[in-house]
């Protein structure tokens, strides 16, 4: 415990020093000046003894163990004063370094024998496991001359998940059969599924092949068989965790520090959080998982191009969605190169049942030599959908009109890069795989739309 002089003490010392210069020319005031110095020293000694009193306060912290990426959440601090002295202090809670914060650094006073509750707001900007370190208090003595630092409230571990509030909103719309509000199209189709659902009266437009002639004879009116999309199928996500997925396209739209700051007070509408390709891929994965699980399909995930690839076997039921959240929330893209063939070989030995394999990646032309044999290996038994993240930065570059020769060269290079990339996508389609090439922010709804199209077409 090291005593720390406060600003009040420094101002008093400065004043006493200036008075010393004045009385140096008037000797008869020297005894008074010395008396003031002795009085100040005694006051500092008393204040230091009180300020350094062992454990004058205790603190606790309340924060949700699970936080959502990009959402403001409250953190509550409670300080209890067990002494008979009222304490003034300034508190700074040691939140994770990649959290935005508002409402900290203010002065407070806790009454003698009482308590004080403080609340401030945090907003995570990265997923994974994080921890709040003990809060730091700058505690001043009763006279405000000497302060000390205290560490209270202990360490609190939290988990930062993807923005499950957004996924939950999608989920509610899906439950209410309002997927079209998300841009997800549900095209009506009667009697064309694979699983028998019910018998009903014949309607204009029904296929004659769907008429149940025995039921028609019994009821003396035309009866059609109605089918639903086949259930009990498998969707397995093959998630690329290589260095290509580390791209960030929306740097220009991310607010600066001054724009992201908000004054203390109730939570306000938060500015958009910077979301990279990998987080957009995770959002699409969770949304399609929910829709597929609601359709009765099993969902699993396999990761590749990371130090320790993860394999979550396909599971059914909405509890599987929580299983995915708990096992993927801290997943981050690595700096490794993407090897599609190695991932396909590893998956082939573990996935027995025919499945829809959704490859989430950022395809470049230089990876074609491993992608083609990988698709051949997977297409032998499974239906493969390559969901590719198109880099919006290149699209914006191609939309600009070059005004200088260097800008023209840059755009020409971008056109050449795009041409080679489109050739790689055509090669993927030539291998018999489904191709989805969209910007990252459009991937969640586009992926669900393609899944529903595959379900209704009968190819899956």
Protein backbone atom coordinates (compact mmCIF):
# COMPACT_ATOMS: atom_id res chain seq x y z
CA UNK A 1 0.00 0.00 0.00
CA UNK A 2 1.71 3.14 -1.27
CA UNK A 3 0.30 6.55 -0.24
CA UNK A 4 -0.47 8.79 -3.22
CA UNK A 5 -0.65 12.59 -2.85
CA UNK A 6 -3.88 14.06 -4.17
CA UNK A 7 -4.26 17.18 -6.28
CA UNK A 8 -5.57 19.00 -3.23
CA UNK A 9 -2.36 18.28 -1.32
CA UNK A 10 -0.20 19.37 -4.26
CA UNK A 11 -2.09 22.66 -4.53
CA UNK A 12 -1.68 23.26 -0.77
CA UNK A 13 2.05 22.50 -0.97
CA UNK A 14 2.41 24.88 -3.90
CA UNK A 15 0.63 27.62 -1.95
CA UNK A 16 2.78 26.97 1.15
CA UNK A 17 5.94 27.16 -0.98
CA UNK A 18 4.90 30.49 -2.52
CA UNK A 19 4.17 31.83 0.97
CA UNK A 20 7.66 30.73 1.98
CA UNK A 21 9.14 32.91 -0.75
CA UNK A 22 7.06 35.83 0.47
CA UNK A 23 7.95 35.49 4.18
CA UNK A 24 11.63 35.15 3.28
CA UNK A 25 11.70 38.93 2.86
CA UNK A 26 9.59 39.50 6.00
CA UNK A 27 11.35 37.51 8.75
CA UNK A 28 8.76 38.18 11.43
CA UNK A 29 6.25 35.89 9.58
CA UNK A 30 8.62 32.92 9.45
CA UNK A 31 7.31 31.33 12.71
CA UNK A 32 3.76 31.48 11.34
CA UNK A 33 4.87 29.90 8.09
CA UNK A 34 6.67 27.11 9.96
CA UNK A 35 3.60 26.51 12.11
CA UNK A 36 1.52 26.12 8.97
CA UNK A 37 4.06 23.59 7.70
CA UNK A 38 3.90 21.56 10.91
CA UNK A 39 0.09 21.64 10.85
CA UNK A 40 0.08 20.51 7.22
CA UNK A 41 2.48 17.68 8.01
CA UNK A 42 0.31 16.51 10.90
CA UNK A 43 -2.80 16.61 8.69
CA UNK A 44 -1.03 14.60 6.00
CA UNK A 45 0.08 12.01 8.57
CA UNK A 46 -3.43 11.62 10.00
CA UNK A 47 -5.01 11.40 6.54
CA UNK A 48 -2.43 8.84 5.42
CA UNK A 49 -3.11 6.64 8.47
CA UNK A 50 -6.83 6.71 7.74
CA UNK A 51 -6.45 6.24 3.99
CA UNK A 52 -4.17 3.24 4.46
CA UNK A 53 -6.60 1.56 6.86
CA UNK A 54 -6.70 -2.13 5.86
CA UNK A 55 -9.74 -3.13 3.79
CA UNK A 56 -12.04 -0.19 4.45
CA UNK A 57 -14.34 -1.36 1.62
CA UNK A 58 -15.45 -4.51 -0.22
CA UNK A 59 -16.71 -4.79 -3.78
CA UNK A 60 -18.65 -7.15 -6.03
CA UNK A 61 -19.46 -7.15 -9.75
CA UNK A 62 -22.58 -8.34 -11.57
CA UNK A 63 -22.39 -9.00 -15.31
CA UNK A 64 -24.09 -11.52 -17.56
CA UNK A 65 -21.91 -14.60 -18.16
CA UNK A 66 -22.88 -14.54 -21.85
CA UNK A 67 -22.67 -11.34 -23.91
CA UNK A 68 -23.62 -10.64 -27.52
CA UNK A 69 -21.16 -9.24 -30.01
CA UNK A 70 -21.90 -5.57 -30.70
CA UNK A 71 -24.67 -5.18 -28.08
CA UNK A 72 -24.51 -2.77 -25.14
CA UNK A 73 -24.95 -4.55 -21.79
CA UNK A 74 -24.88 -3.23 -18.21
CA UNK A 75 -22.22 -4.02 -15.62
CA UNK A 76 -23.13 -3.38 -11.98
CA UNK A 77 -20.57 -2.69 -9.26
CA UNK A 78 -21.50 -2.70 -5.58
CA UNK A 79 -19.16 -1.27 -2.92
CA UNK A 80 -19.81 -1.80 0.78
CA UNK A 81 -18.22 0.46 3.39
CA UNK A 82 -17.61 -1.40 6.65
CA UNK A 83 -15.91 1.51 8.43
CA UNK A 84 -17.27 4.53 10.28
CA UNK A 85 -15.80 6.98 7.79
CA UNK A 86 -17.35 8.26 4.57
CA UNK A 87 -15.01 7.62 1.65
CA UNK A 88 -14.62 9.51 -1.63
CA UNK A 89 -13.21 7.55 -4.56
CA UNK A 90 -12.92 7.23 -8.31
CA UNK A 91 -13.43 3.79 -9.84
CA UNK A 92 -12.15 2.31 -13.09
CA UNK A 93 -13.25 -1.25 -13.77
CA UNK A 94 -10.70 -3.27 -15.74
CA UNK A 95 -12.92 -4.57 -18.52
CA UNK A 96 -11.51 -6.59 -21.45
CA UNK A 97 -9.40 -4.43 -23.75
CA UNK A 98 -11.56 -5.12 -26.82
CA UNK A 99 -14.74 -3.86 -25.13
CA UNK A 100 -16.15 -0.41 -25.74
CA UNK A 101 -17.28 1.28 -22.52
CA UNK A 102 -19.24 4.29 -21.36
CA UNK A 103 -20.10 5.65 -17.92
CA UNK A 104 -16.77 5.08 -16.12
CA UNK A 105 -14.18 7.32 -14.44
CA UNK A 106 -16.54 9.43 -12.34
CA UNK A 107 -16.10 10.46 -8.71
CA UNK A 108 -18.33 8.90 -6.03
CA UNK A 109 -18.79 8.85 -2.27
CA UNK A 110 -19.97 5.94 -0.15
CA UNK A 111 -21.47 6.76 3.27
CA UNK A 112 -20.12 5.37 6.52
CA UNK A 113 -21.46 1.88 7.12
CA UNK A 114 -23.38 2.01 3.86
CA UNK A 115 -23.05 0.87 0.26
CA UNK A 116 -23.04 2.29 -3.26
CA UNK A 117 -24.16 0.67 -6.54
CA UNK A 118 -22.75 1.85 -9.85
CA UNK A 119 -23.72 0.80 -13.37
CA UNK A 120 -21.84 1.33 -16.61
CA UNK A 121 -22.22 -0.05 -20.13
CA UNK A 122 -19.95 -2.30 -22.19
CA UNK A 123 -20.11 -3.45 -25.79
CA UNK A 124 -17.96 -6.39 -26.96
CA UNK A 125 -16.26 -5.97 -30.32
CA UNK A 126 -14.80 -9.48 -30.61
CA UNK A 127 -16.04 -12.99 -29.85
CA UNK A 128 -14.48 -15.50 -27.49
CA UNK A 129 -13.66 -15.92 -23.82
CA UNK A 130 -12.92 -12.72 -21.96
CA UNK A 131 -12.40 -11.70 -18.33
CA UNK A 132 -12.99 -8.62 -16.18
CA UNK A 133 -10.02 -8.02 -13.90
CA UNK A 134 -10.48 -6.51 -10.40
CA UNK A 135 -11.78 -2.95 -10.39
CA UNK A 136 -9.28 -0.25 -9.43
CA UNK A 137 -10.38 2.34 -6.86
CA UNK A 138 -8.49 5.54 -6.10
CA UNK A 139 -9.59 5.99 -2.47
CA UNK A 140 -9.03 9.36 -0.80
CA UNK A 141 -8.58 9.93 2.92
CA UNK A 142 -11.19 11.91 4.88
CA UNK A 143 -9.18 15.15 4.45
CA UNK A 144 -8.61 14.52 0.72
CA UNK A 145 -4.82 14.84 1.05
CA UNK A 146 -3.66 11.24 0.63
CA UNK A 147 -5.09 8.50 -1.61
CA UNK A 148 -4.45 4.80 -2.12
CA UNK A 149 -5.29 2.27 -4.80
CA UNK A 150 -7.55 -0.69 -4.04
CA UNK A 151 -8.35 -3.68 -6.22
CA UNK A 152 -11.87 -4.93 -5.56
CA UNK A 153 -14.60 -7.06 -7.17
CA UNK A 154 -12.30 -9.94 -8.21
CA UNK A 155 -12.05 -11.53 -11.67
CA UNK A 156 -15.18 -12.33 -13.69
CA UNK A 157 -15.07 -14.59 -16.76
CA UNK A 158 -17.56 -14.00 -19.59
CA UNK A 159 -18.27 -15.50 -23.00
CA UNK A 160 -18.88 -13.30 -26.03
CA UNK A 161 -21.14 -15.02 -28.55
CA UNK A 162 -22.10 -13.98 -32.06
CA UNK A 163 -25.02 -11.59 -32.16
CA UNK A 164 -27.60 -14.12 -31.09
CA UNK A 165 -30.17 -11.33 -30.64
CA UNK A 166 -30.21 -10.95 -34.42
CA UNK A 167 -30.41 -14.71 -34.88
CA UNK A 168 -33.26 -14.80 -32.35
CA UNK A 169 -35.11 -12.15 -34.36
CA UNK A 170 -34.66 -14.27 -37.45
CA UNK A 171 -35.88 -17.25 -35.45
CA UNK A 172 -39.10 -15.51 -34.36
CA UNK A 173 -39.85 -14.49 -37.93
CA UNK A 174 -39.26 -18.06 -39.07
CA UNK A 175 -41.52 -19.45 -36.35
CA UNK A 176 -44.28 -17.09 -37.48
CA UNK A 177 -43.77 -18.22 -41.09
CA UNK A 178 -42.66 -14.68 -42.03
CA UNK A 179 -39.29 -15.55 -43.53
CA UNK A 180 -40.11 -13.28 -46.45
CA UNK A 181 -39.56 -10.30 -44.11
CA UNK A 182 -35.87 -11.28 -44.17
CA UNK A 183 -35.74 -11.58 -47.92
CA UNK A 184 -36.13 -15.36 -47.63
CA UNK A 185 -38.58 -16.55 -50.24
CA UNK A 186 -41.00 -19.39 -49.59
CA UNK A 187 -42.50 -20.42 -52.92
CA UNK A 188 -45.79 -22.30 -52.50
CA UNK A 189 -45.65 -25.86 -53.79
CA UNK A 190 -48.32 -28.51 -53.29
CA UNK A 191 -47.82 -32.23 -53.39
CA UNK A 192 -44.26 -32.27 -54.73
CA UNK A 193 -42.28 -33.33 -51.66
CA UNK A 194 -40.85 -36.70 -50.83
CA UNK A 195 -42.57 -37.54 -47.50
CA UNK A 196 -46.30 -38.28 -47.37
CA UNK A 197 -48.14 -35.77 -45.16
CA UNK A 198 -51.93 -36.13 -45.58
CA UNK A 199 -54.90 -36.77 -47.86
CA UNK A 200 -57.07 -33.86 -48.94
CA UNK A 201 -59.60 -32.96 -51.58
CA UNK A 202 -58.36 -32.45 -55.11
CA UNK A 203 -57.58 -28.84 -56.04
CA UNK A 204 -57.23 -27.28 -59.43
CA UNK A 205 -53.61 -27.56 -60.50
CA UNK A 206 -52.85 -30.77 -58.62
CA UNK A 207 -50.94 -33.37 -60.61
CA UNK A 208 -53.00 -36.36 -61.70
CA UNK A 209 -50.18 -38.58 -60.43
CA UNK A 210 -51.00 -37.44 -56.89
CA UNK A 211 -54.62 -38.61 -56.96
CA UNK A 212 -55.29 -41.46 -54.53
CA UNK A 213 -57.78 -43.57 -56.48
CA UNK A 214 -58.69 -45.87 -53.59
CA UNK A 215 -59.57 -42.93 -51.35
CA UNK A 216 -61.41 -41.36 -54.30
CA UNK A 217 -63.52 -44.49 -54.76
CA UNK A 218 -64.41 -44.62 -51.06
CA UNK A 219 -65.39 -40.95 -50.78
CA UNK A 220 -66.90 -40.60 -54.25
CA UNK A 221 -64.83 -37.43 -54.86
CA UNK A 222 -61.32 -36.75 -56.03
CA UNK A 223 -58.73 -37.07 -53.24
CA UNK A 224 -55.10 -36.05 -53.63
CA UNK A 225 -52.07 -37.13 -51.67
CA UNK A 226 -50.15 -34.18 -50.17
CA UNK A 227 -46.45 -34.48 -49.50
CA UNK A 228 -44.00 -32.38 -47.53
CA UNK A 229 -40.34 -31.75 -48.05
CA UNK A 230 -38.30 -34.75 -47.03
CA UNK A 231 -37.16 -34.64 -43.43
CA UNK A 232 -34.47 -36.47 -41.49
CA UNK A 233 -31.73 -35.28 -43.84
CA UNK A 234 -28.31 -33.92 -42.92
CA UNK A 235 -26.70 -30.53 -43.43
CA UNK A 236 -23.01 -30.29 -42.67
CA UNK A 237 -21.14 -27.00 -42.75
CA UNK A 238 -17.52 -27.15 -43.86
CA UNK A 239 -16.19 -23.90 -42.41
CA UNK A 240 -12.98 -22.41 -43.76
CA UNK A 241 -10.88 -20.98 -40.90
CA UNK A 242 -7.90 -20.03 -43.08
CA UNK A 243 -6.31 -16.63 -43.55
CA UNK A 244 -8.66 -15.70 -46.43
CA UNK A 245 -11.50 -15.44 -43.91
CA UNK A 246 -9.74 -12.68 -41.96
CA UNK A 247 -10.86 -10.04 -44.47
CA UNK A 248 -12.68 -6.93 -43.26
CA UNK A 249 -14.70 -5.15 -45.95
CA UNK A 250 -16.53 -2.47 -43.99
CA UNK A 251 -13.66 -0.47 -42.52
CA UNK A 252 -14.97 2.69 -44.19
CA UNK A 253 -18.36 2.28 -42.52
CA UNK A 254 -17.03 1.63 -39.04
CA UNK A 255 -17.34 4.67 -36.77
CA UNK A 256 -14.27 6.37 -35.43
CA UNK A 257 -13.57 6.58 -31.72
CA UNK A 258 -15.40 9.89 -31.36
CA UNK A 259 -18.42 8.62 -33.26
CA UNK A 260 -18.54 5.34 -31.34
CA UNK A 261 -18.43 7.10 -27.96
CA UNK A 262 -21.73 7.73 -26.22
CA UNK A 263 -22.30 9.75 -23.05
CA UNK A 264 -23.26 8.01 -19.81
CA UNK A 265 -26.89 7.17 -19.51
CA UNK A 266 -29.46 4.72 -20.83
CA UNK A 267 -28.38 2.55 -23.77
CA UNK A 268 -28.81 4.25 -27.10
CA UNK A 269 -28.92 2.89 -30.62
CA UNK A 270 -25.45 1.51 -31.16
CA UNK A 271 -23.48 2.24 -34.32
CA UNK A 272 -22.75 -0.78 -36.49
CA UNK A 273 -20.03 -3.09 -35.23
CA UNK A 274 -17.27 -4.00 -37.63
CA UNK A 275 -18.02 -7.53 -38.83
CA UNK A 276 -15.55 -9.41 -40.98
CA UNK A 277 -16.03 -12.25 -43.42
CA UNK A 278 -15.63 -14.89 -40.75
CA UNK A 279 -18.30 -13.42 -38.46
CA UNK A 280 -20.69 -13.06 -41.38
CA UNK A 281 -20.08 -16.71 -42.22
CA UNK A 282 -20.87 -17.67 -38.62
CA UNK A 283 -24.08 -15.62 -38.72
CA UNK A 284 -25.13 -17.42 -41.90
CA UNK A 285 -24.22 -20.77 -40.33
CA UNK A 286 -26.39 -20.15 -37.27
CA UNK A 287 -29.36 -18.82 -39.25
CA UNK A 288 -29.39 -21.73 -41.71
CA UNK A 289 -28.88 -24.15 -38.82
CA UNK A 290 -32.03 -22.87 -37.16
CA UNK A 291 -34.07 -23.09 -40.35
CA UNK A 292 -32.75 -26.59 -41.16
CA UNK A 293 -33.44 -27.83 -37.63
CA UNK A 294 -36.99 -26.47 -37.88
CA UNK A 295 -37.33 -28.42 -41.13
CA UNK A 296 -36.46 -31.62 -39.27
CA UNK A 297 -32.94 -31.98 -40.64
CA UNK A 298 -29.81 -32.72 -38.63
CA UNK A 299 -27.02 -30.13 -38.60
CA UNK A 300 -23.29 -30.56 -38.02
CA UNK A 301 -20.12 -28.51 -38.48
CA UNK A 302 -16.56 -29.37 -39.48
CA UNK A 303 -13.81 -26.74 -39.46
CA UNK A 304 -10.51 -26.82 -41.34
CA UNK A 305 -7.37 -24.73 -41.88
CA UNK A 306 -6.85 -24.21 -38.14
CA UNK A 307 -4.51 -25.70 -35.55
CA UNK A 308 -7.12 -28.03 -34.07
CA UNK A 309 -10.01 -28.65 -36.49
CA UNK A 310 -13.37 -29.21 -34.82
CA UNK A 311 -16.03 -31.72 -35.81
CA UNK A 312 -19.55 -31.45 -34.42
CA UNK A 313 -21.50 -34.49 -35.52
CA UNK A 314 -24.94 -33.80 -37.07
CA UNK A 315 -27.66 -33.52 -34.45
CA UNK A 316 -31.40 -32.89 -34.60
CA UNK A 317 -33.67 -30.69 -32.51
CA UNK A 318 -33.33 -27.07 -31.50
CA UNK A 319 -31.02 -28.07 -28.64
CA UNK A 320 -28.46 -28.63 -31.38
CA UNK A 321 -28.42 -24.88 -32.02
CA UNK A 322 -27.28 -24.21 -28.46
CA UNK A 323 -24.69 -26.95 -28.93
CA UNK A 324 -23.34 -25.09 -31.97
CA UNK A 325 -23.24 -21.77 -30.11
CA UNK A 326 -21.36 -23.25 -27.16
CA UNK A 327 -18.74 -24.91 -29.36
CA UNK A 328 -18.19 -22.24 -32.01
CA UNK A 329 -18.51 -18.91 -30.20
CA UNK A 330 -14.73 -18.61 -29.65
CA UNK A 331 -13.72 -19.79 -33.11
CA UNK A 332 -11.36 -17.42 -34.93
CA UNK A 333 -9.72 -17.54 -38.38
CA UNK A 334 -6.08 -18.58 -38.36
CA UNK A 335 -3.12 -17.54 -40.51
CA UNK A 336 -2.90 -20.95 -42.19
CA UNK A 337 -3.35 -21.59 -45.89
CA UNK A 338 -6.57 -23.26 -47.00
CA UNK A 339 -6.28 -26.89 -48.15
CA UNK A 340 -9.65 -28.08 -49.43
CA UNK A 341 -8.43 -31.54 -50.38
CA UNK A 342 -7.16 -32.31 -46.89
CA UNK A 343 -10.50 -31.21 -45.44
CA UNK A 344 -12.43 -33.38 -47.92
CA UNK A 345 -10.34 -36.46 -47.13
CA UNK A 346 -10.83 -35.99 -43.41
CA UNK A 347 -14.59 -35.51 -43.83
CA UNK A 348 -15.11 -38.47 -46.17
CA UNK A 349 -14.01 -40.98 -43.53
CA UNK A 350 -16.34 -39.52 -40.88
CA UNK A 351 -19.53 -38.71 -42.80
CA UNK A 352 -21.35 -41.84 -43.91
CA UNK A 353 -24.85 -40.63 -44.72
CA UNK A 354 -25.55 -38.58 -47.84
CA UNK A 355 -25.64 -34.93 -46.81
CA UNK A 356 -25.80 -31.39 -48.06
CA UNK A 357 -22.28 -30.06 -47.51
CA UNK A 358 -22.16 -26.27 -47.31
CA UNK A 359 -18.62 -25.03 -47.87
CA UNK A 360 -18.25 -21.53 -46.40
CA UNK A 361 -15.13 -19.94 -47.83
CA UNK A 362 -13.54 -16.99 -49.58
CA UNK A 363 -12.48 -18.53 -52.87
CA UNK A 364 -9.42 -17.30 -54.74
CA UNK A 365 -8.10 -18.56 -58.05
CA UNK A 366 -4.85 -19.84 -56.57
CA UNK A 367 -6.71 -22.46 -54.51
CA UNK A 368 -8.26 -24.18 -57.53
CA UNK A 369 -5.63 -26.94 -57.57
CA UNK A 370 -6.86 -28.26 -54.18
CA UNK A 371 -10.53 -27.34 -54.61
CA UNK A 372 -11.24 -29.34 -57.78
CA UNK A 373 -10.10 -32.75 -56.42
CA UNK A 374 -11.84 -31.98 -53.13
CA UNK A 375 -15.15 -31.38 -54.91
CA UNK A 376 -14.72 -34.58 -56.92
CA UNK A 377 -14.18 -36.49 -53.69
CA UNK A 378 -17.23 -35.01 -51.96
CA UNK A 379 -19.54 -35.05 -54.99
CA UNK A 380 -19.18 -38.82 -55.24
CA UNK A 381 -21.68 -39.20 -52.39
CA UNK A 382 -22.88 -35.78 -51.23
CA UNK A 383 -24.51 -32.65 -52.59
CA UNK A 384 -22.05 -29.77 -52.28
CA UNK A 385 -22.93 -26.08 -52.05
CA UNK A 386 -19.99 -23.66 -52.22
CA UNK A 387 -21.00 -20.43 -50.45
CA UNK A 388 -18.40 -17.90 -51.47
CA UNK A 389 -17.89 -14.48 -49.88
CA UNK A 390 -17.38 -11.80 -52.49
CA UNK A 391 -15.13 -8.96 -51.37
CA UNK A 392 -17.10 -5.73 -51.45
CA UNK A 393 -13.91 -3.66 -51.53
CA UNK A 394 -13.14 -4.96 -55.04
CA UNK A 395 -16.69 -4.23 -56.20
CA UNK A 396 -16.44 -0.67 -54.93
CA UNK A 397 -13.12 -0.27 -56.69
CA UNK A 398 -14.60 -1.42 -60.01
CA UNK A 399 -17.49 1.05 -59.65
CA UNK A 400 -15.14 4.03 -59.44
CA UNK A 401 -14.14 6.07 -62.48
CA UNK A 402 -10.33 6.30 -62.60
CA UNK A 403 -9.05 9.85 -62.78
CA UNK A 404 -5.30 9.21 -62.91
CA UNK A 405 -3.01 6.71 -64.56
CA UNK A 406 -2.18 4.89 -61.24
CA UNK A 407 -5.93 4.59 -60.52
CA UNK A 408 -6.45 3.14 -64.00
CA UNK A 409 -3.71 0.58 -63.38
CA UNK A 410 -5.29 -0.35 -60.05
CA UNK A 411 -8.68 -0.83 -61.66
CA UNK A 412 -7.16 -2.89 -64.48
CA UNK A 413 -5.56 -5.17 -61.88
CA UNK A 414 -8.91 -5.47 -60.12
CA UNK A 415 -10.62 -6.41 -63.40
CA UNK A 416 -8.00 -9.07 -64.07
CA UNK A 417 -8.38 -10.42 -60.53
CA UNK A 418 -12.16 -10.55 -60.91
CA UNK A 419 -11.92 -12.36 -64.26
CA UNK A 420 -9.67 -15.05 -62.78
CA UNK A 421 -11.94 -15.39 -59.78
CA UNK A 422 -15.03 -15.82 -61.98
CA UNK A 423 -13.15 -18.48 -63.94
CA UNK A 424 -12.50 -20.31 -60.66
CA UNK A 425 -16.22 -20.15 -59.81
CA UNK A 426 -17.13 -21.54 -63.24
CA UNK A 427 -14.71 -24.38 -62.61
CA UNK A 428 -16.50 -25.11 -59.35
CA UNK A 429 -19.86 -25.25 -61.13
CA UNK A 430 -18.31 -27.50 -63.79
CA UNK A 431 -17.44 -29.97 -61.03
CA UNK A 432 -21.16 -30.35 -60.34
CA UNK A 433 -21.31 -28.29 -57.16
CA UNK A 434 -23.87 -25.61 -56.39
CA UNK A 435 -22.37 -22.11 -56.28
CA UNK A 436 -23.48 -19.12 -54.23
CA UNK A 437 -21.39 -15.97 -54.67
CA UNK A 438 -22.61 -13.01 -52.61
CA UNK A 439 -21.32 -10.16 -50.48
CA UNK A 440 -20.77 -11.09 -46.82
CA UNK A 441 -23.71 -9.09 -45.46
CA UNK A 442 -26.08 -10.81 -47.91
CA UNK A 443 -24.86 -14.33 -47.15
CA UNK A 444 -27.28 -15.32 -44.31
CA UNK A 445 -30.52 -14.78 -46.23
CA UNK A 446 -29.07 -15.89 -49.58
CA UNK A 447 -27.86 -19.14 -48.04
CA UNK A 448 -31.28 -19.90 -46.51
CA UNK A 449 -32.96 -19.12 -49.84
CA UNK A 450 -30.69 -21.57 -51.67
CA UNK A 451 -31.27 -24.26 -49.03
CA UNK A 452 -35.05 -23.91 -49.38
CA UNK A 453 -34.75 -24.04 -53.17
CA UNK A 454 -32.77 -27.26 -52.92
CA UNK A 455 -35.35 -28.73 -50.55
CA UNK A 456 -38.29 -27.88 -52.78
CA UNK A 457 -36.57 -29.00 -55.97
CA UNK A 458 -36.05 -32.52 -54.60
CA UNK A 459 -32.28 -32.63 -55.29
CA UNK A 460 -31.66 -32.71 -51.55
